[in-house]
Amino acid sequence: MAQKKELRRQFEAVPVEAGIYEVQNTENQKIFIGKTPNLKTLNGMKHILNMGANNNKELQADWNHFGQDAFIVYDFGSGWKRARTLPSMRRKPWNNWRRNG
C-alpha cells in the first residue's frame, strides 16, 4: 500500500504541461496538428485510435487502413516560440487532417 501511495505522489509531483503535437501518416503524407492541455495524454490518443473511437473520422479511417506503424507522432512541447519555427506550423492546419504541402 505504501508503494502505491509513493507512486501516486510521484505522479502528482510531475507538472502538467500543455502543448502541440503532430500526427503524420508516412504512407500518404497527411498530417494532423492538435493541441492538448496535458502532453502526457498522447499515449491515450493512440489508444483511442487503436480502439477506433477518434472524433476525427478521416484520421481514424487512415489509422484503420494503414495501421499504427504508418504514423509518427511529434511532440512539439509547450514552447510556442520553438514550435512556431517548425515548417509544419506555418501551414495553419489546426485540427485539420489534410495532405501535406
N, C-alpha and C. Protein backbone atom coordinates (compact mmCIF):
# COMPACT_ATOMS: atom_id res chain seq x y z
N MET A 1 0.82 -1.19 0.00
CA MET A 1 0.00 0.00 0.00
C MET A 1 0.87 1.26 0.00
N ALA A 2 1.96 1.21 0.75
CA ALA A 2 2.85 2.37 0.81
C ALA A 2 3.48 2.64 -0.56
N GLN A 3 3.77 1.57 -1.30
CA GLN A 3 4.37 1.73 -2.63
C GLN A 3 3.36 2.42 -3.57
N LYS A 4 2.11 2.05 -3.48
CA LYS A 4 1.09 2.66 -4.31
C LYS A 4 0.95 4.15 -4.00
N LYS A 5 0.99 4.50 -2.71
CA LYS A 5 0.91 5.91 -2.32
C LYS A 5 2.13 6.68 -2.82
N GLU A 6 3.29 6.07 -2.77
CA GLU A 6 4.51 6.73 -3.25
C GLU A 6 4.45 6.94 -4.76
N LEU A 7 3.99 5.95 -5.49
CA LEU A 7 3.85 6.10 -6.94
C LEU A 7 2.86 7.21 -7.29
N ARG A 8 1.77 7.27 -6.56
CA ARG A 8 0.78 8.33 -6.79
C ARG A 8 1.37 9.71 -6.49
N ARG A 9 2.14 9.80 -5.38
CA ARG A 9 2.78 11.07 -5.03
C ARG A 9 3.75 11.51 -6.12
N GLN A 10 4.53 10.56 -6.65
CA GLN A 10 5.47 10.88 -7.74
C GLN A 10 4.73 11.33 -8.99
N PHE A 11 3.64 10.66 -9.31
CA PHE A 11 2.85 11.03 -10.49
C PHE A 11 2.29 12.44 -10.35
N GLU A 12 1.75 12.75 -9.19
CA GLU A 12 1.16 14.06 -8.96
C GLU A 12 2.20 15.16 -8.87
N ALA A 13 3.45 14.81 -8.58
CA ALA A 13 4.52 15.80 -8.48
C ALA A 13 4.99 16.27 -9.86
N VAL A 14 4.72 15.48 -10.89
CA VAL A 14 5.12 15.86 -12.25
C VAL A 14 4.16 16.93 -12.75
N PRO A 15 4.67 18.08 -13.16
CA PRO A 15 3.77 19.16 -13.60
C PRO A 15 3.04 18.80 -14.90
N VAL A 16 1.81 19.27 -15.00
CA VAL A 16 1.02 19.10 -16.21
C VAL A 16 1.50 20.14 -17.22
N GLU A 17 1.77 19.68 -18.45
CA GLU A 17 2.29 20.58 -19.47
C GLU A 17 1.42 20.50 -20.72
N ALA A 18 0.81 21.61 -21.06
CA ALA A 18 0.01 21.69 -22.29
C ALA A 18 0.96 21.84 -23.47
N GLY A 19 0.51 21.44 -24.64
CA GLY A 19 1.39 21.58 -25.79
C GLY A 19 0.73 21.23 -27.11
N ILE A 20 1.58 21.20 -28.12
CA ILE A 20 1.17 20.97 -29.51
C ILE A 20 1.82 19.68 -29.98
N TYR A 21 1.07 18.93 -30.80
CA TYR A 21 1.61 17.70 -31.36
C TYR A 21 1.18 17.57 -32.81
N GLU A 22 1.90 16.72 -33.54
CA GLU A 22 1.58 16.45 -34.94
C GLU A 22 1.55 14.95 -35.14
N VAL A 23 0.54 14.46 -35.82
CA VAL A 23 0.46 13.05 -36.21
C VAL A 23 0.65 13.03 -37.72
N GLN A 24 1.69 12.34 -38.19
CA GLN A 24 1.99 12.31 -39.62
C GLN A 24 1.83 10.89 -40.14
N ASN A 25 1.10 10.77 -41.25
CA ASN A 25 0.93 9.49 -41.93
C ASN A 25 2.07 9.38 -42.94
N THR A 26 2.95 8.40 -42.75
CA THR A 26 4.10 8.25 -43.63
C THR A 26 3.74 7.62 -44.98
N GLU A 27 2.54 7.08 -45.09
CA GLU A 27 2.12 6.45 -46.35
C GLU A 27 1.58 7.47 -47.35
N ASN A 28 0.79 8.45 -46.88
CA ASN A 28 0.19 9.41 -47.80
C ASN A 28 0.52 10.86 -47.46
N GLN A 29 1.40 11.06 -46.49
CA GLN A 29 1.90 12.39 -46.10
C GLN A 29 0.84 13.32 -45.52
N LYS A 30 -0.29 12.81 -45.11
CA LYS A 30 -1.28 13.64 -44.42
C LYS A 30 -0.78 13.93 -43.01
N ILE A 31 -1.18 15.09 -42.48
CA ILE A 31 -0.80 15.45 -41.12
C ILE A 31 -2.03 15.90 -40.34
N PHE A 32 -1.94 15.72 -39.05
CA PHE A 32 -2.93 16.26 -38.13
C PHE A 32 -2.16 17.00 -37.06
N ILE A 33 -2.47 18.26 -36.85
CA ILE A 33 -1.83 19.03 -35.79
C ILE A 33 -2.90 19.33 -34.76
N GLY A 34 -2.57 19.03 -33.53
CA GLY A 34 -3.54 19.25 -32.46
C GLY A 34 -2.88 19.86 -31.25
N LYS A 35 -3.71 20.20 -30.29
CA LYS A 35 -3.23 20.73 -29.03
C LYS A 35 -3.87 19.94 -27.90
N THR A 36 -3.20 19.91 -26.78
CA THR A 36 -3.71 19.17 -25.64
C THR A 36 -3.38 19.92 -24.35
N PRO A 37 -4.25 19.88 -23.38
CA PRO A 37 -3.93 20.51 -22.10
C PRO A 37 -2.92 19.71 -21.29
N ASN A 38 -2.64 18.48 -21.71
CA ASN A 38 -1.70 17.62 -21.00
C ASN A 38 -1.00 16.71 -21.99
N LEU A 39 0.29 16.97 -22.24
CA LEU A 39 1.03 16.17 -23.23
C LEU A 39 1.16 14.71 -22.82
N LYS A 40 0.96 14.41 -21.54
CA LYS A 40 1.02 13.01 -21.10
C LYS A 40 -0.12 12.19 -21.68
N THR A 41 -1.12 12.86 -22.25
CA THR A 41 -2.28 12.14 -22.78
C THR A 41 -2.08 11.65 -24.22
N LEU A 42 -0.91 11.88 -24.80
CA LEU A 42 -0.68 11.44 -26.19
C LEU A 42 -0.78 9.92 -26.32
N ASN A 43 -0.33 9.18 -25.33
CA ASN A 43 -0.50 7.73 -25.38
C ASN A 43 -1.97 7.35 -25.35
N GLY A 44 -2.76 8.13 -24.62
CA GLY A 44 -4.21 7.90 -24.59
C GLY A 44 -4.84 8.14 -25.96
N MET A 45 -4.31 9.14 -26.69
CA MET A 45 -4.82 9.41 -28.03
C MET A 45 -4.54 8.21 -28.95
N LYS A 46 -3.35 7.63 -28.84
CA LYS A 46 -3.03 6.44 -29.64
C LYS A 46 -3.96 5.29 -29.27
N HIS A 47 -4.25 5.16 -28.00
CA HIS A 47 -5.15 4.10 -27.55
C HIS A 47 -6.55 4.30 -28.14
N ILE A 48 -7.02 5.54 -28.14
CA ILE A 48 -8.34 5.84 -28.72
C ILE A 48 -8.36 5.52 -30.20
N LEU A 49 -7.28 5.84 -30.91
CA LEU A 49 -7.20 5.50 -32.34
C LEU A 49 -7.20 3.98 -32.52
N ASN A 50 -6.47 3.26 -31.68
CA ASN A 50 -6.44 1.80 -31.78
C ASN A 50 -7.80 1.18 -31.47
N MET A 51 -8.59 1.87 -30.63
CA MET A 51 -9.94 1.38 -30.30
C MET A 51 -10.96 1.76 -31.37
N GLY A 52 -10.57 2.66 -32.31
CA GLY A 52 -11.48 3.07 -33.38
C GLY A 52 -12.46 4.14 -32.95
N ALA A 53 -12.11 4.92 -31.93
CA ALA A 53 -13.06 5.87 -31.36
C ALA A 53 -12.63 7.33 -31.48
N ASN A 54 -11.71 7.66 -32.39
CA ASN A 54 -11.28 9.04 -32.53
C ASN A 54 -12.36 9.88 -33.19
N ASN A 55 -12.51 11.12 -32.77
CA ASN A 55 -13.54 12.01 -33.32
C ASN A 55 -13.25 12.45 -34.74
N ASN A 56 -11.99 12.47 -35.14
CA ASN A 56 -11.62 12.88 -36.49
C ASN A 56 -11.77 11.65 -37.39
N LYS A 57 -12.83 11.62 -38.17
CA LYS A 57 -13.17 10.42 -38.96
C LYS A 57 -12.14 10.11 -40.03
N GLU A 58 -11.57 11.14 -40.68
CA GLU A 58 -10.55 10.89 -41.71
C GLU A 58 -9.28 10.31 -41.10
N LEU A 59 -8.85 10.89 -39.98
CA LEU A 59 -7.67 10.36 -39.29
C LEU A 59 -7.92 8.93 -38.85
N GLN A 60 -9.09 8.67 -38.28
CA GLN A 60 -9.42 7.33 -37.82
C GLN A 60 -9.46 6.34 -38.98
N ALA A 61 -10.02 6.74 -40.12
CA ALA A 61 -10.09 5.85 -41.28
C ALA A 61 -8.69 5.51 -41.79
N ASP A 62 -7.80 6.51 -41.85
CA ASP A 62 -6.43 6.24 -42.29
C ASP A 62 -5.69 5.37 -41.28
N TRP A 63 -5.92 5.60 -39.99
CA TRP A 63 -5.29 4.78 -38.94
C TRP A 63 -5.74 3.33 -39.10
N ASN A 64 -7.03 3.13 -39.36
CA ASN A 64 -7.56 1.78 -39.53
C ASN A 64 -6.99 1.13 -40.80
N HIS A 65 -6.88 1.92 -41.87
CA HIS A 65 -6.42 1.39 -43.15
C HIS A 65 -4.93 1.08 -43.15
N PHE A 66 -4.10 2.00 -42.69
CA PHE A 66 -2.65 1.84 -42.77
C PHE A 66 -2.03 1.22 -41.53
N GLY A 67 -2.70 1.30 -40.39
CA GLY A 67 -2.17 0.74 -39.16
C GLY A 67 -1.26 1.71 -38.42
N GLN A 68 -1.05 1.45 -37.15
CA GLN A 68 -0.28 2.32 -36.27
C GLN A 68 1.14 2.54 -36.75
N ASP A 69 1.76 1.54 -37.35
CA ASP A 69 3.16 1.65 -37.78
C ASP A 69 3.37 2.66 -38.89
N ALA A 70 2.31 3.10 -39.56
CA ALA A 70 2.43 4.08 -40.64
C ALA A 70 2.39 5.51 -40.12
N PHE A 71 2.31 5.70 -38.81
CA PHE A 71 2.17 7.04 -38.24
C PHE A 71 3.33 7.37 -37.31
N ILE A 72 3.70 8.64 -37.35
CA ILE A 72 4.71 9.18 -36.44
C ILE A 72 4.05 10.32 -35.68
N VAL A 73 4.23 10.34 -34.36
CA VAL A 73 3.69 11.41 -33.54
C VAL A 73 4.85 12.27 -33.06
N TYR A 74 4.80 13.55 -33.40
CA TYR A 74 5.80 14.52 -32.96
C TYR A 74 5.22 15.35 -31.83
N ASP A 75 5.97 15.46 -30.77
CA ASP A 75 5.58 16.29 -29.63
C ASP A 75 6.37 17.58 -29.71
N PHE A 76 5.70 18.69 -30.01
CA PHE A 76 6.39 19.97 -30.11
C PHE A 76 6.56 20.62 -28.75
N GLY A 77 5.98 20.06 -27.73
CA GLY A 77 6.12 20.63 -26.39
C GLY A 77 5.25 21.85 -26.20
N SER A 78 5.59 22.61 -25.18
CA SER A 78 4.76 23.76 -24.83
C SER A 78 5.36 25.08 -25.26
N GLY A 79 6.55 25.08 -25.85
CA GLY A 79 7.19 26.33 -26.22
C GLY A 79 6.69 26.87 -27.54
N TRP A 80 5.85 27.90 -27.50
CA TRP A 80 5.29 28.47 -28.73
C TRP A 80 6.38 29.00 -29.64
N LYS A 81 7.40 29.64 -29.08
CA LYS A 81 8.46 30.19 -29.92
C LYS A 81 9.17 29.07 -30.67
N ARG A 82 9.45 27.98 -29.97
CA ARG A 82 10.12 26.85 -30.61
C ARG A 82 9.20 26.22 -31.66
N ALA A 83 7.94 26.01 -31.34
CA ALA A 83 7.01 25.36 -32.26
C ALA A 83 6.73 26.22 -33.48
N ARG A 84 6.68 27.52 -33.30
CA ARG A 84 6.33 28.41 -34.40
C ARG A 84 7.37 28.36 -35.52
N THR A 85 8.60 27.97 -35.23
CA THR A 85 9.63 27.94 -36.26
C THR A 85 9.58 26.67 -37.10
N LEU A 86 8.81 25.68 -36.69
CA LEU A 86 8.75 24.43 -37.43
C LEU A 86 7.93 24.62 -38.70
N PRO A 87 8.38 24.06 -39.83
CA PRO A 87 7.67 24.25 -41.10
C PRO A 87 6.21 23.84 -41.04
N SER A 88 5.89 22.76 -40.36
CA SER A 88 4.51 22.30 -40.33
C SER A 88 3.60 23.28 -39.60
N MET A 89 4.14 24.11 -38.73
CA MET A 89 3.31 25.06 -38.00
C MET A 89 2.94 26.27 -38.86
N ARG A 90 3.65 26.48 -39.94
CA ARG A 90 3.37 27.62 -40.80
C ARG A 90 2.16 27.39 -41.71
N ARG A 91 1.70 26.15 -41.84
CA ARG A 91 0.60 25.82 -42.74
C ARG A 91 -0.76 26.10 -42.12
N LYS A 92 -0.82 26.36 -40.85
CA LYS A 92 -2.05 26.63 -40.10
C LYS A 92 -3.13 25.56 -40.27
N PRO A 93 -2.79 24.27 -40.23
CA PRO A 93 -3.85 23.26 -40.38
C PRO A 93 -4.43 22.81 -39.04
N TRP A 94 -4.66 23.73 -38.13
CA TRP A 94 -5.13 23.35 -36.81
C TRP A 94 -6.37 22.47 -36.90
N ASN A 95 -6.24 21.31 -36.27
CA ASN A 95 -7.33 20.35 -36.20
C ASN A 95 -7.87 19.95 -37.58
N ASN A 96 -7.03 19.98 -38.58
CA ASN A 96 -7.44 19.54 -39.92
C ASN A 96 -6.57 18.37 -40.34
N TRP A 97 -7.18 17.38 -40.90
CA TRP A 97 -6.46 16.23 -41.46
C TRP A 97 -6.39 16.52 -42.95
N ARG A 98 -5.18 16.76 -43.45
CA ARG A 98 -5.08 17.17 -44.84
C ARG A 98 -3.76 16.71 -45.42
N ARG A 99 -3.67 16.78 -46.72
CA ARG A 99 -2.45 16.38 -47.42
C ARG A 99 -1.36 17.41 -47.18
N ASN A 100 -0.16 16.92 -46.88
CA ASN A 100 0.99 17.78 -46.60
C ASN A 100 1.39 18.50 -47.89
N GLY A 101 1.70 19.82 -47.78
CA GLY A 101 2.23 20.54 -48.91
C GLY A 101 1.38 21.53 -49.48
